[in-house]
Amino acid sequence: MSEEPKGIREGVEDSKGDPRLILLLNAVLSAWFGWTVVWGLDRLGVTALNAVNVATLTLIIFGVTYAAVLR
């Protein structure tokens, strides 16, 4: 008799995923979150909404999530 096919749970648990996709999702979500935070701070008058501020915060968020999740 053949073995039963794996269910979705076993497939997800065994999957390592593509690291390029994880890095891409991390970059996109970090950029979106960075832009949102800088936009909110600009609305409060704390800082200016510009590319340098967004890029800096994006890199910080990306680095922290990379170190915390993918180490």
Protein backbone atom coordinates (compact mmCIF):
# COMPACT_ATOMS: atom_id res chain seq x y z
CA MET A 1 0.00 0.00 0.00
CA SER A 2 1.23 3.50 -0.76
CA GLU A 3 1.64 6.13 1.87
CA GLU A 4 -0.95 8.82 2.27
CA PRO A 5 -0.02 12.12 0.58
CA LYS A 6 1.23 14.85 2.83
CA GLY A 7 -1.26 17.43 3.95
CA ILE A 8 -0.84 21.16 3.72
CA ARG A 9 0.47 21.40 7.30
CA GLU A 10 3.29 18.92 6.69
CA GLY A 11 4.17 20.64 3.41
CA VAL A 12 4.40 24.06 5.03
CA GLU A 13 6.37 22.77 8.00
CA ASP A 14 8.90 21.02 5.71
CA SER A 15 9.29 23.99 3.35
CA LYS A 16 12.32 26.24 3.81
CA GLY A 17 11.07 28.82 1.30
CA ASP A 18 13.12 30.83 -1.16
CA PRO A 19 15.44 33.22 0.71
CA ARG A 20 15.28 35.72 -2.18
CA LEU A 21 11.53 36.02 -1.72
CA ILE A 22 11.93 36.49 2.01
CA LEU A 23 14.51 39.25 1.45
CA LEU A 24 12.29 40.92 -1.15
CA LEU A 25 9.27 40.85 1.15
CA ASN A 26 11.42 42.20 3.98
CA ALA A 27 12.66 45.06 1.78
CA VAL A 28 9.20 45.97 0.47
CA LEU A 29 7.51 45.84 3.86
CA SER A 30 10.38 47.71 5.52
CA ALA A 31 10.14 50.46 2.88
CA TRP A 32 6.37 50.69 3.27
CA PHE A 33 6.60 50.83 7.06
CA GLY A 34 9.48 53.32 6.94
CA TRP A 35 7.53 55.60 4.59
CA THR A 36 4.45 55.35 6.82
CA VAL A 37 6.38 56.25 9.98
CA VAL A 38 8.21 59.18 8.34
CA TRP A 39 4.91 60.38 6.81
CA GLY A 40 3.30 60.30 10.25
CA LEU A 41 6.23 62.13 11.82
CA ASP A 42 6.01 64.72 9.03
CA ARG A 43 2.32 65.24 9.78
CA LEU A 44 3.24 65.81 13.44
CA GLY A 45 5.97 68.25 12.44
CA VAL A 46 8.79 66.16 13.91
CA THR A 47 10.74 65.51 10.70
CA ALA A 48 10.51 66.13 6.97
CA LEU A 49 9.15 63.57 4.53
CA ASN A 50 12.04 63.07 2.12
CA ALA A 51 13.86 60.20 0.46
CA VAL A 52 16.84 60.32 2.81
CA ASN A 53 14.72 59.94 5.94
CA VAL A 54 12.63 57.16 4.42
CA ALA A 55 15.70 55.30 3.12
CA THR A 56 17.49 55.59 6.47
CA LEU A 57 14.55 54.26 8.44
CA THR A 58 13.98 51.54 5.82
CA LEU A 59 17.57 50.33 6.16
CA ILE A 60 17.32 50.33 9.95
CA ILE A 61 14.06 48.34 9.90
CA PHE A 62 15.43 45.95 7.25
CA GLY A 63 18.59 45.35 9.27
CA VAL A 64 16.77 44.73 12.53
CA THR A 65 14.27 42.31 11.00
CA TYR A 66 17.02 40.53 9.07
CA ALA A 67 19.07 40.08 12.24
CA ALA A 68 16.07 38.99 14.29
CA VAL A 69 14.48 36.60 11.79
CA LEU A 70 17.14 35.29 9.39
CA ARG A 71 20.19 34.93 11.59
